[in-house]
């Protein structure tokens, strides 16, 4: 299910809310998740899951096209746990 399908599904469930209102609510939730995770905070929604960021160490990888070894730098990535 993508974002549009999620909005449509919720708009169909709640007849008293317009599709635009549901889209605004969903967008607001996603923006809040983004902002908090950028700050390095963990977001826990009881009954749904936990979103956080994790730090990946630098490692050696491989260019699949050429087969050459390359160094992948350390990075921070989002992680979701149900």
N, C-alpha and C. Protein backbone atom coordinates (compact mmCIF):
# COMPACT_ATOMS: atom_id res chain seq x y z
N UNK A 1 0.85 -1.17 0.00
CA UNK A 1 0.00 0.00 0.00
C UNK A 1 0.89 1.23 0.00
N UNK A 2 0.65 2.14 -0.92
CA UNK A 2 1.41 3.38 -0.94
C UNK A 2 0.64 4.49 -0.22
N UNK A 3 1.21 5.68 -0.17
CA UNK A 3 0.62 6.78 0.59
C UNK A 3 -0.77 7.14 0.07
N UNK A 4 -0.93 7.20 -1.25
CA UNK A 4 -2.23 7.56 -1.85
C UNK A 4 -3.30 6.54 -1.48
N UNK A 5 -2.95 5.26 -1.58
CA UNK A 5 -3.89 4.20 -1.22
C UNK A 5 -4.24 4.25 0.27
N UNK A 6 -3.27 4.57 1.11
CA UNK A 6 -3.49 4.70 2.54
C UNK A 6 -4.47 5.83 2.83
N UNK A 7 -4.27 6.97 2.17
CA UNK A 7 -5.18 8.12 2.34
C UNK A 7 -6.58 7.77 1.86
N UNK A 8 -6.69 7.15 0.69
CA UNK A 8 -7.99 6.78 0.15
C UNK A 8 -8.73 5.81 1.07
N UNK A 9 -8.01 4.84 1.61
CA UNK A 9 -8.60 3.86 2.51
C UNK A 9 -9.16 4.52 3.77
N UNK A 10 -8.38 5.43 4.34
CA UNK A 10 -8.84 6.11 5.55
C UNK A 10 -9.95 7.10 5.26
N UNK A 11 -9.91 7.76 4.13
CA UNK A 11 -10.98 8.69 3.76
C UNK A 11 -12.30 7.93 3.57
N UNK A 12 -12.23 6.71 3.05
CA UNK A 12 -13.44 5.89 2.86
C UNK A 12 -14.01 5.43 4.21
N UNK A 13 -13.13 5.19 5.19
CA UNK A 13 -13.58 4.74 6.51
C UNK A 13 -14.26 5.86 7.30
N UNK A 14 -13.78 7.08 7.11
CA UNK A 14 -14.28 8.20 7.90
C UNK A 14 -14.99 9.18 6.97
N UNK A 15 -16.29 8.94 6.80
CA UNK A 15 -17.09 9.74 5.87
C UNK A 15 -17.16 11.21 6.25
N UNK A 16 -17.03 11.52 7.52
CA UNK A 16 -17.13 12.91 7.96
C UNK A 16 -15.86 13.72 7.67
N UNK A 17 -14.79 13.06 7.25
CA UNK A 17 -13.55 13.75 6.89
C UNK A 17 -13.37 13.75 5.38
N UNK A 18 -12.97 14.88 4.83
CA UNK A 18 -12.71 14.95 3.40
C UNK A 18 -11.37 14.26 3.10
N UNK A 19 -11.18 13.92 1.85
CA UNK A 19 -9.91 13.31 1.43
C UNK A 19 -8.76 14.27 1.69
N UNK A 20 -9.00 15.56 1.48
CA UNK A 20 -7.97 16.58 1.71
C UNK A 20 -7.58 16.64 3.19
N UNK A 21 -8.56 16.50 4.07
CA UNK A 21 -8.28 16.54 5.51
C UNK A 21 -7.45 15.32 5.92
N UNK A 22 -7.82 14.15 5.40
CA UNK A 22 -7.07 12.93 5.70
C UNK A 22 -5.65 13.04 5.16
N UNK A 23 -5.49 13.59 3.95
CA UNK A 23 -4.16 13.77 3.36
C UNK A 23 -3.32 14.71 4.23
N UNK A 24 -3.93 15.76 4.76
CA UNK A 24 -3.21 16.70 5.62
C UNK A 24 -2.76 16.00 6.91
N UNK A 25 -3.65 15.19 7.50
CA UNK A 25 -3.32 14.48 8.74
C UNK A 25 -2.18 13.50 8.51
N UNK A 26 -2.27 12.71 7.45
CA UNK A 26 -1.22 11.73 7.14
C UNK A 26 0.11 12.46 6.88
N UNK A 27 0.06 13.54 6.10
CA UNK A 27 1.27 14.32 5.81
C UNK A 27 1.89 14.88 7.08
N UNK A 28 1.05 15.35 7.98
CA UNK A 28 1.53 15.91 9.24
C UNK A 28 2.22 14.85 10.09
N UNK A 29 1.66 13.66 10.14
CA UNK A 29 2.27 12.56 10.90
C UNK A 29 3.62 12.19 10.31
N UNK A 30 3.69 12.07 8.99
CA UNK A 30 4.95 11.71 8.33
C UNK A 30 6.00 12.80 8.55
N UNK A 31 5.60 14.07 8.46
CA UNK A 31 6.54 15.17 8.69
C UNK A 31 7.09 15.14 10.12
N UNK A 32 6.23 14.85 11.08
CA UNK A 32 6.67 14.77 12.48
C UNK A 32 7.65 13.63 12.67
N UNK A 33 7.36 12.46 12.07
CA UNK A 33 8.29 11.33 12.15
C UNK A 33 9.64 11.71 11.56
N UNK A 34 9.64 12.34 10.38
CA UNK A 34 10.88 12.77 9.73
C UNK A 34 11.68 13.71 10.62
N UNK A 35 11.01 14.71 11.17
CA UNK A 35 11.68 15.72 11.99
C UNK A 35 12.31 15.10 13.23
N UNK A 36 11.56 14.26 13.91
CA UNK A 36 12.07 13.65 15.14
C UNK A 36 13.23 12.69 14.85
N UNK A 37 13.13 11.94 13.76
CA UNK A 37 14.23 11.02 13.44
C UNK A 37 15.47 11.78 12.98
N UNK A 38 15.29 12.92 12.30
CA UNK A 38 16.45 13.74 11.92
C UNK A 38 17.17 14.25 13.17
N UNK A 39 16.43 14.50 14.23
CA UNK A 39 17.01 14.96 15.49
C UNK A 39 17.63 13.81 16.28
N UNK A 40 17.49 12.58 15.78
CA UNK A 40 18.08 11.43 16.45
C UNK A 40 17.19 10.83 17.52
N UNK A 41 15.93 11.23 17.53
CA UNK A 41 15.01 10.73 18.55
C UNK A 41 14.27 9.49 18.05
N UNK A 42 13.85 8.68 18.97
CA UNK A 42 13.07 7.48 18.67
C UNK A 42 11.59 7.83 18.79
N UNK A 43 10.77 7.35 17.86
CA UNK A 43 9.33 7.60 17.89
C UNK A 43 8.63 6.25 18.08
N UNK A 44 7.90 6.13 19.18
CA UNK A 44 7.21 4.89 19.50
C UNK A 44 5.71 5.14 19.51
N UNK A 45 4.99 4.41 18.65
CA UNK A 45 3.54 4.50 18.61
C UNK A 45 3.01 3.15 19.08
N UNK A 46 2.42 3.13 20.26
CA UNK A 46 1.94 1.90 20.85
C UNK A 46 0.91 1.24 19.94
N UNK A 47 1.07 -0.04 19.70
CA UNK A 47 0.17 -0.78 18.85
C UNK A 47 0.54 -0.73 17.38
N UNK A 48 1.55 0.07 17.03
CA UNK A 48 1.98 0.17 15.64
C UNK A 48 3.43 -0.22 15.48
N UNK A 49 4.32 0.53 16.13
CA UNK A 49 5.74 0.21 16.03
C UNK A 49 6.63 1.35 16.48
N UNK A 50 7.92 1.16 16.29
CA UNK A 50 8.93 2.13 16.70
C UNK A 50 9.81 2.49 15.52
N UNK A 51 10.00 3.78 15.32
CA UNK A 51 10.90 4.28 14.29
C UNK A 51 12.08 4.95 14.96
N UNK A 52 13.27 4.67 14.46
CA UNK A 52 14.48 5.25 15.02
C UNK A 52 15.54 5.29 13.93
N UNK A 53 16.67 5.89 14.25
CA UNK A 53 17.79 5.88 13.33
C UNK A 53 18.90 5.02 13.94
N UNK A 54 19.64 4.34 13.09
CA UNK A 54 20.77 3.54 13.54
C UNK A 54 22.00 3.93 12.72
N UNK A 55 23.15 3.80 13.34
CA UNK A 55 24.41 4.13 12.69
C UNK A 55 25.03 2.87 12.12
N UNK A 56 25.30 2.86 10.83
CA UNK A 56 25.99 1.73 10.20
C UNK A 56 27.47 2.04 10.11
N UNK A 57 28.28 1.06 10.45
CA UNK A 57 29.73 1.23 10.39
C UNK A 57 30.20 1.24 8.94
N UNK A 58 31.38 1.81 8.73
CA UNK A 58 32.01 1.75 7.41
C UNK A 58 32.37 0.30 7.13
N UNK A 59 32.29 -0.10 5.88
CA UNK A 59 32.58 -1.50 5.53
C UNK A 59 33.09 -1.58 4.11
N UNK A 60 33.61 -2.73 3.78
CA UNK A 60 34.04 -2.99 2.41
C UNK A 60 32.88 -3.62 1.66
N UNK A 61 32.63 -3.13 0.45
CA UNK A 61 31.57 -3.67 -0.39
C UNK A 61 32.15 -4.06 -1.73
N UNK A 62 31.27 -4.34 -2.67
CA UNK A 62 31.73 -4.74 -3.99
C UNK A 62 30.84 -4.09 -5.03
N UNK A 63 31.47 -3.50 -6.07
CA UNK A 63 30.74 -2.97 -7.22
C UNK A 63 30.28 -4.18 -8.03
N UNK A 64 28.96 -4.37 -8.12
CA UNK A 64 28.43 -5.57 -8.76
C UNK A 64 28.70 -5.58 -10.26
N UNK A 65 28.85 -4.41 -10.87
CA UNK A 65 29.11 -4.34 -12.31
C UNK A 65 30.53 -4.76 -12.65
N UNK A 66 31.50 -4.21 -11.90
CA UNK A 66 32.91 -4.45 -12.22
C UNK A 66 33.56 -5.52 -11.34
N UNK A 67 32.97 -5.80 -10.18
CA UNK A 67 33.55 -6.77 -9.27
C UNK A 67 34.64 -6.18 -8.38
N UNK A 68 34.92 -4.88 -8.52
CA UNK A 68 35.96 -4.23 -7.71
C UNK A 68 35.47 -4.00 -6.29
N UNK A 69 36.39 -4.11 -5.34
CA UNK A 69 36.09 -3.82 -3.95
C UNK A 69 36.02 -2.30 -3.77
N UNK A 70 35.01 -1.84 -3.03
CA UNK A 70 34.88 -0.41 -2.73
C UNK A 70 34.61 -0.25 -1.25
N UNK A 71 34.93 0.94 -0.73
CA UNK A 71 34.69 1.20 0.68
C UNK A 71 33.37 1.96 0.81
N UNK A 72 32.45 1.40 1.58
CA UNK A 72 31.18 2.05 1.87
C UNK A 72 31.36 2.83 3.17
N UNK A 73 31.10 4.14 3.15
CA UNK A 73 31.32 4.94 4.35
C UNK A 73 30.27 4.67 5.42
N UNK A 74 30.56 5.08 6.66
CA UNK A 74 29.59 4.98 7.74
C UNK A 74 28.42 5.91 7.42
N UNK A 75 27.23 5.50 7.82
CA UNK A 75 26.05 6.30 7.52
C UNK A 75 24.98 6.07 8.58
N UNK A 76 24.02 6.96 8.64
CA UNK A 76 22.88 6.83 9.52
C UNK A 76 21.65 6.54 8.67
N UNK A 77 20.90 5.49 9.04
CA UNK A 77 19.74 5.08 8.26
C UNK A 77 18.52 4.91 9.17
N UNK A 78 17.31 5.10 8.62
CA UNK A 78 16.11 4.89 9.42
C UNK A 78 15.85 3.41 9.61
N UNK A 79 15.20 3.07 10.74
CA UNK A 79 14.86 1.67 11.03
C UNK A 79 13.48 1.65 11.67
N UNK A 80 12.66 0.70 11.24
CA UNK A 80 11.32 0.53 11.80
C UNK A 80 11.20 -0.87 12.40
N UNK A 81 10.66 -0.96 13.59
CA UNK A 81 10.40 -2.24 14.25
C UNK A 81 8.93 -2.32 14.62
N UNK A 82 8.28 -3.36 14.19
CA UNK A 82 6.85 -3.53 14.51
C UNK A 82 6.69 -3.98 15.94
